[in-house]
Protein backbone atom coordinates (compact mmCIF):
# COMPACT_ATOMS: atom_id res chain seq x y z
CA MET A 1 16.38 1.81 -10.13
CA LYS A 2 17.02 -0.88 -7.54
CA SER A 3 17.10 -4.68 -7.82
CA PHE A 4 14.61 -6.87 -5.98
CA PHE A 5 15.31 -10.58 -6.43
CA GLY A 6 16.46 -9.92 -9.99
CA TYR A 7 13.67 -7.52 -10.94
CA PRO A 8 14.41 -3.82 -11.53
CA VAL A 9 12.23 -1.72 -9.22
CA ARG A 10 11.82 1.98 -8.61
CA SER A 11 12.03 1.56 -4.85
CA ARG A 12 12.48 -1.09 -2.19
CA PHE A 13 9.11 -0.28 -0.58
CA GLY A 14 5.68 -1.80 -1.02
CA VAL A 15 2.59 -3.42 0.43
CA ALA A 16 2.55 -6.63 2.46
CA ALA A 17 0.04 -9.45 1.93
CA SER A 18 -3.01 -7.95 3.59
CA ILE A 19 -4.87 -5.10 1.95
CA LEU A 20 -4.69 -5.86 -1.79
CA PRO A 21 -7.44 -8.48 -2.31
CA ASN A 22 -7.98 -7.90 -6.03
CA SER A 23 -6.67 -6.15 -9.13
CA ARG A 24 -8.52 -2.90 -8.38
CA TRP A 25 -6.55 -2.51 -5.17
CA ILE A 26 -3.32 -3.53 -6.91
CA ASP A 27 -3.98 -0.89 -9.57
CA THR A 28 -4.70 1.82 -7.00
CA TYR A 29 -1.63 1.20 -4.86
CA ALA A 30 0.59 0.86 -7.92
CA ARG A 31 -0.53 4.32 -9.03
CA LEU A 32 0.09 5.60 -5.50
CA GLY A 33 3.76 4.64 -5.90
CA PHE A 34 4.07 1.38 -3.96
CA ASP A 35 6.45 -0.70 -6.06
CA LEU A 36 6.37 -4.11 -4.34
CA LEU A 37 2.73 -5.18 -4.56
CA THR A 38 1.59 -8.32 -2.74
CA TYR A 39 -1.72 -9.85 -3.82
CA LYS A 40 -3.53 -10.97 -0.66
CA THR A 41 -3.14 -14.63 0.29
CA VAL A 42 -5.13 -17.03 -1.91
CA ARG A 43 -6.26 -20.64 -1.44
CA SER A 44 -7.18 -23.64 -3.56
CA LEU A 45 -10.76 -23.42 -2.27
CA PRO A 46 -13.08 -20.51 -1.52
CA ARG A 47 -13.34 -19.35 2.07
CA LEU A 48 -15.50 -16.57 3.47
CA CYS A 49 -14.15 -13.78 5.63
CA GLY A 50 -14.96 -13.93 9.33
CA THR A 51 -18.16 -12.18 10.31
CA PRO A 52 -17.94 -8.52 11.36
CA PRO A 53 -16.41 -6.95 13.32
CA ASN A 54 -13.04 -7.59 11.68
CA TRP A 55 -10.81 -4.60 12.46
CA ILE A 56 -10.59 -2.24 15.42
CA TYR A 57 -8.30 0.38 16.94
CA LEU A 58 -6.54 -0.78 20.10
CA ASP A 59 -6.01 0.97 23.41
CA GLU A 60 -2.42 2.17 23.37
CA THR A 61 -1.99 1.93 27.16
CA SER A 62 -2.66 -1.83 27.20
CA LEU A 63 -0.36 -2.68 24.31
CA ALA A 64 3.08 -2.78 25.92
CA PRO A 65 2.30 -5.43 28.57
CA ALA A 66 0.25 -7.48 26.09
CA LEU A 67 3.00 -7.53 23.48
CA ALA A 68 5.51 -8.64 26.10
CA ASP A 69 3.34 -11.64 26.98
CA PRO A 70 2.17 -14.06 24.22
CA ASN A 71 -0.88 -14.81 26.37
CA GLY A 72 -1.54 -11.18 27.16
CA ALA A 73 -4.75 -9.34 26.35
CA VAL A 74 -5.11 -5.95 24.72
CA MET A 75 -8.24 -3.83 25.01
CA ILE A 76 -9.98 -2.04 22.17
CA ALA A 77 -9.76 1.74 22.13
CA GLU A 78 -12.54 3.61 23.89
CA ARG A 79 -13.06 5.75 20.78
CA ASP A 80 -11.57 6.12 17.32
CA PRO A 81 -8.47 8.33 17.29
CA ARG A 82 -8.66 11.77 15.76
CA VAL A 83 -5.55 10.98 13.72
CA ALA A 84 -5.30 7.40 12.48
CA ILE A 85 -1.70 7.51 11.29
CA GLY A 86 0.66 5.99 13.84
CA THR A 87 -2.02 3.96 15.62
CA THR A 88 -2.24 0.23 16.34
CA THR A 89 -5.08 -2.08 15.35
CA GLY A 90 -6.41 -5.58 15.87
CA GLY A 91 -7.65 -7.61 12.92
CA SER A 92 -9.58 -10.87 12.62
CA PHE A 93 -10.41 -11.81 9.02
CA GLY A 94 -9.49 -15.51 8.86
CA MET A 95 -7.52 -15.42 5.59
CA PRO A 96 -10.49 -15.56 3.20
CA SER A 97 -10.12 -16.40 -0.49
CA ARG A 98 -12.22 -16.37 -3.60
CA HIS A 99 -12.56 -19.39 -5.87
CA PRO A 100 -9.33 -20.17 -7.77
CA ASP A 101 -11.08 -19.59 -11.10
CA VAL A 102 -11.77 -16.04 -9.96
CA TRP A 103 -8.41 -15.15 -8.46
CA ARG A 104 -6.39 -16.72 -11.27
CA GLU A 105 -8.11 -14.53 -13.81
CA ASP A 106 -7.82 -11.51 -11.55
CA ILE A 107 -4.08 -12.00 -10.97
CA ALA A 108 -3.58 -12.01 -14.74
CA ARG A 109 -5.45 -8.71 -14.87
CA ALA A 110 -3.40 -7.29 -11.99
CA ARG A 111 -0.16 -8.08 -13.80
CA THR A 112 -1.24 -5.85 -16.71
CA LEU A 113 -1.99 -2.95 -14.35
CA ILE A 114 1.38 -2.55 -12.65
CA GLY A 115 3.94 -0.23 -14.19
CA ALA A 116 7.58 -0.45 -15.16
CA GLY A 117 9.76 -0.80 -12.09
CA GLN A 118 7.03 -2.54 -10.10
CA VAL A 119 6.69 -6.20 -9.11
CA LEU A 120 3.64 -8.38 -8.51
CA ILE A 121 4.02 -10.81 -5.59
CA VAL A 122 1.26 -13.33 -4.93
CA SER A 123 0.83 -14.83 -1.47
CA VAL A 124 -0.44 -18.42 -1.23
CA VAL A 125 -1.38 -20.79 1.57
CA GLY A 126 -2.42 -24.41 1.94
CA SER A 127 -5.77 -25.11 3.58
CA ALA A 128 -5.67 -27.38 6.60
CA VAL A 129 -9.07 -28.98 6.10
CA PRO A 130 -10.12 -31.72 8.57
CA ASP A 131 -8.18 -34.99 8.30
CA ILE A 132 -5.80 -33.69 5.62
CA THR A 133 -2.48 -35.51 5.45
CA GLU A 134 0.86 -33.70 5.43
CA GLU A 135 1.44 -34.84 1.86
CA ALA A 136 -1.92 -33.45 0.73
CA PHE A 137 -1.28 -30.20 2.63
CA ILE A 138 2.07 -29.77 0.89
CA ALA A 139 0.48 -30.57 -2.47
CA ASP A 140 -2.23 -27.96 -1.81
CA PHE A 141 0.42 -25.29 -1.18
CA ALA A 142 2.19 -26.32 -4.38
CA GLN A 143 -0.99 -26.23 -6.44
CA CYS A 144 -1.74 -22.67 -5.35
CA ALA A 145 1.81 -21.63 -6.22
CA ARG A 146 1.56 -23.32 -9.62
CA TRP A 147 -1.68 -21.50 -10.42
CA ALA A 148 -0.39 -18.15 -9.18
CA SER A 149 2.81 -18.47 -11.18
CA ALA A 150 0.95 -19.38 -14.37
CA ALA A 151 -1.46 -16.48 -13.83
CA GLY A 152 1.34 -13.91 -13.85
CA ALA A 153 2.91 -13.70 -10.39
CA GLN A 154 6.53 -12.61 -10.69
CA ILE A 155 7.36 -13.68 -7.14
CA ILE A 156 5.56 -16.21 -4.93
CA GLU A 157 5.12 -15.72 -1.20
CA ALA A 158 4.18 -18.73 0.93
CA ASN A 159 2.29 -17.55 3.99
CA PHE A 160 3.64 -19.53 6.94
CA SER A 161 2.14 -17.25 9.58
CA CYS A 162 -1.37 -15.93 10.05
CA PRO A 163 -2.43 -14.79 13.53
CA ASN A 164 -6.11 -15.71 13.30
CA VAL A 165 -6.45 -19.06 11.52
CA GLY A 166 -6.01 -22.68 12.59
CA LYS A 167 -2.71 -23.69 14.14
CA ALA A 168 -1.71 -25.86 11.19
CA GLU A 169 -1.84 -22.88 8.83
CA GLY A 170 -0.92 -20.07 11.18
CA GLN A 171 2.19 -21.48 12.83
CA LEU A 172 3.95 -23.33 10.03
CA PHE A 173 7.14 -21.42 10.67
CA LEU A 174 7.42 -23.22 14.02
CA ASN A 175 7.39 -26.65 12.32
CA VAL A 176 10.88 -26.61 10.84
CA GLU A 177 10.75 -29.92 9.00
CA LEU A 178 7.32 -29.33 7.43
CA ALA A 179 8.27 -25.76 6.51
CA GLY A 180 11.27 -27.06 4.60
CA ARG A 181 9.23 -29.62 2.71
CA ILE A 182 6.60 -27.04 1.74
CA ALA A 183 9.24 -24.54 0.64
CA LYS A 184 10.84 -27.08 -1.70
CA ALA A 185 7.49 -28.12 -3.18
CA VAL A 186 6.35 -24.54 -3.70
CA LYS A 187 9.63 -23.53 -5.31
CA GLN A 188 9.38 -26.36 -7.80
CA ALA A 189 5.70 -25.68 -8.52
CA ALA A 190 6.41 -22.00 -9.11
CA SER A 191 8.82 -22.82 -11.93
CA ASP A 192 11.76 -21.64 -9.81
CA LYS A 193 10.46 -18.08 -9.55
CA PRO A 194 11.76 -16.23 -6.46
CA LEU A 195 10.10 -17.57 -3.31
CA LEU A 196 9.46 -15.58 -0.14
CA LEU A 197 8.26 -17.04 3.17
CA LYS A 198 6.17 -14.86 5.46
CA ILE A 199 6.86 -15.86 9.05
CA GLY A 200 6.27 -14.78 12.63
CA ALA A 201 8.89 -13.90 15.20
CA ILE A 202 11.07 -16.83 16.34
CA SER A 203 12.53 -15.88 19.72
CA ASP A 204 14.62 -19.03 20.18
CA ALA A 205 17.97 -18.55 18.42
CA GLU A 206 18.50 -22.26 17.78
CA ARG A 207 15.05 -22.70 16.28
CA LEU A 208 15.58 -19.62 14.10
CA ALA A 209 18.89 -21.00 12.83
CA ALA A 210 17.34 -24.41 12.17
CA PHE A 211 14.48 -22.81 10.23
CA CYS A 212 16.80 -20.68 8.10
CA LYS A 213 19.04 -23.64 7.29
CA MET A 214 16.06 -25.83 6.44
CA VAL A 215 14.47 -23.42 3.93
CA ALA A 216 17.64 -21.94 2.41
CA GLY A 217 18.14 -23.15 -1.13
CA ALA A 218 14.39 -23.34 -1.76
CA ALA A 219 13.33 -19.95 -0.39
CA ASP A 220 15.05 -16.78 -1.53
CA GLY A 221 13.78 -14.44 1.17
CA LEU A 222 11.94 -14.15 4.48
CA VAL A 223 9.23 -11.56 5.16
CA MET A 224 9.71 -10.71 8.83
CA VAL A 225 7.37 -10.55 10.59
CA ASN A 226 3.66 -11.16 10.39
CA ALA A 227 1.35 -9.67 12.99
CA PRO A 228 1.70 -11.21 16.47
CA ALA A 229 -1.49 -12.83 17.79
CA ARG A 230 -2.89 -11.59 21.08
CA ARG A 231 -6.20 -11.79 22.90
CA VAL A 232 -8.31 -8.77 21.98
CA VAL A 233 -11.04 -7.86 24.44
CA GLY A 234 -13.81 -5.27 24.48
CA ARG A 235 -14.31 -2.67 27.15
CA ASP A 236 -16.34 -5.31 29.02
CA GLY A 237 -13.38 -7.71 29.08
CA GLN A 238 -15.04 -10.20 26.73
CA PRO A 239 -13.48 -11.39 23.42
CA TYR A 240 -14.19 -8.53 21.03
CA PHE A 241 -14.34 -10.62 17.85
CA GLY A 242 -16.48 -13.31 19.46
CA ALA A 243 -16.18 -16.93 20.58
CA GLY A 244 -13.59 -18.92 18.70
CA ARG A 245 -11.82 -15.73 17.61
CA GLU A 246 -10.33 -14.72 20.94
CA ARG A 247 -6.90 -14.12 19.40
CA ALA A 248 -6.33 -11.62 16.61
CA GLY A 249 -3.45 -10.03 14.77
CA VAL A 250 -1.94 -6.88 16.25
CA THR A 251 -0.73 -4.52 13.54
CA GLY A 252 0.50 -0.96 13.34
CA ALA A 253 2.97 1.29 15.11
CA ALA A 254 3.25 -0.58 18.43
CA ILE A 255 4.80 -3.72 16.93
CA LYS A 256 7.68 -1.94 15.19
CA ALA A 257 10.26 -2.67 17.91
CA MET A 258 9.32 -6.36 18.02
CA SER A 259 9.42 -6.63 14.23
CA LEU A 260 12.71 -4.78 13.86
CA ASN A 261 14.37 -6.93 16.52
CA ALA A 262 13.11 -10.08 14.77
CA ALA A 263 14.39 -8.86 11.41
CA ARG A 264 17.78 -8.03 12.90
CA ALA A 265 17.98 -11.51 14.44
CA GLY A 266 17.07 -13.09 11.12
CA ILE A 267 19.64 -11.03 9.22
CA ALA A 268 22.37 -11.81 11.76
CA THR A 269 21.56 -15.53 11.62
CA ILE A 270 21.65 -15.58 7.82
CA GLU A 271 24.94 -13.72 7.73
CA ARG A 272 26.51 -15.94 10.40
CA LEU A 273 25.49 -19.11 8.59
CA LYS A 274 26.28 -17.64 5.15
CA LEU A 275 22.89 -18.64 3.76
CA PRO A 276 21.47 -17.54 0.37
CA LEU A 277 18.55 -15.67 1.96
CA GLN A 278 17.47 -12.05 2.24
CA VAL A 279 15.05 -10.41 4.66
CA ILE A 280 12.13 -8.13 3.78
CA GLY A 281 11.21 -5.95 6.76
CA CYS A 282 7.56 -6.01 7.80
CA GLY A 283 5.55 -5.02 10.86
CA GLY A 284 4.93 -1.60 12.42
CA ILE A 285 6.35 0.37 9.50
CA THR A 286 4.37 3.61 9.59
CA THR A 287 6.85 6.37 8.70
CA VAL A 288 9.72 7.10 6.34
CA ASP A 289 12.14 6.73 9.25
CA ASP A 290 10.70 3.27 9.97
CA VAL A 291 11.44 2.21 6.40
CA ARG A 292 14.97 3.53 6.74
CA ALA A 293 15.46 1.68 10.03
CA PHE A 294 14.75 -1.70 8.42
CA ILE A 295 16.93 -0.95 5.40
CA ASP A 296 19.76 0.21 7.67
CA ALA A 297 19.40 -3.03 9.66
CA GLY A 298 20.20 -4.98 6.50
CA ALA A 299 16.76 -5.71 5.06
CA CYS A 300 16.68 -5.75 1.26
CA ALA A 301 13.25 -4.07 1.25
CA ALA A 302 10.34 -3.06 3.47
CA VAL A 303 6.59 -3.55 3.19
CA SER A 304 3.61 -2.10 5.06
CA SER A 305 -0.10 -2.84 5.27
CA THR A 306 -1.88 -1.10 8.16
CA ALA A 307 -0.03 2.17 7.65
CA ALA A 308 -0.48 1.92 3.89
CA THR A 309 -4.23 1.73 4.50
CA LEU A 310 -4.37 4.62 6.94
CA ASN A 311 -1.95 6.72 4.87
CA PRO A 312 -2.16 5.74 1.19
CA TYR A 313 0.40 8.45 0.35
CA LEU A 314 3.13 6.80 2.41
CA ALA A 315 5.06 5.68 -0.69
CA CYS A 316 5.07 9.26 -1.94
CA GLU A 317 6.50 10.39 1.38
CA VAL A 318 9.14 7.67 1.25
CA LYS A 319 10.19 8.61 -2.28
CA ALA A 320 10.41 12.28 -1.32
CA ARG A 321 13.35 11.25 0.85
CA ALA A 322 16.13 10.34 -1.57
CA ASP A 323 17.95 8.28 1.07
CA ALA A 324 14.90 6.27 2.20
CA VAL A 325 14.77 3.37 -0.25
């Protein structure tokens, strides 16, 4: 057994906030051996998923230059790969959520379905509706955390980074002062349960240090990193997901180097400043060796989503290696 923010767990590997939208998925992935189970991000109001298409394989040859340039464009793959494992994808869902009455009841059900040595994490986000004030936005985050905690979440994750929603929701980690205020409000609303913040890559060392110092003491851990947003185009060069959805999240094998570098920078910053934070590795984790790389870098755990979808037996493979987690 290992320890994950005070909870005994069978491994330090699990599923990121992405592919577990209800208790049936939580139940399935718990039985498949994923021990850190993150219920997909929920809101205080219902929101529909973006219209199809929502997920597509990406052309591997266009990925490297696009990932090096925040304004770069990546092309969809000409055809589906014969072997999906180890590929890279683009996703545009828009962080949908069911009505709170539905997800609160479902989270309670999910808690009963996980086994000993497993932990239920619930991801929450505030909704930046038109003309909302900062105070109301913070209160919305807190309300979601309060509901999730009461429903049975053992750990709360505040989603500060989503690659395909409005700027106010998707780039919170770049607003240091607001991020700190939200973290404090969510921590209090969650009855002081462990709090994780899911963030994107922060390339500026001073901004990263300022962010870590601002949230330390409220947050207990950082999930690093969420999918980077890039322009995804079809074979005709036009936005694949349609107007208004030009940018989408890039997930899968190709972002591992970016994610690992970001996690290393976060860990080094935390250690240098002696802050009470830990890092959960996320992004591009597709193999057992990838899991080990994040753990060796100093991450307290690792989570996957795209690879866990394409290879639902990944946790079994990780546990078959005694040194992996």
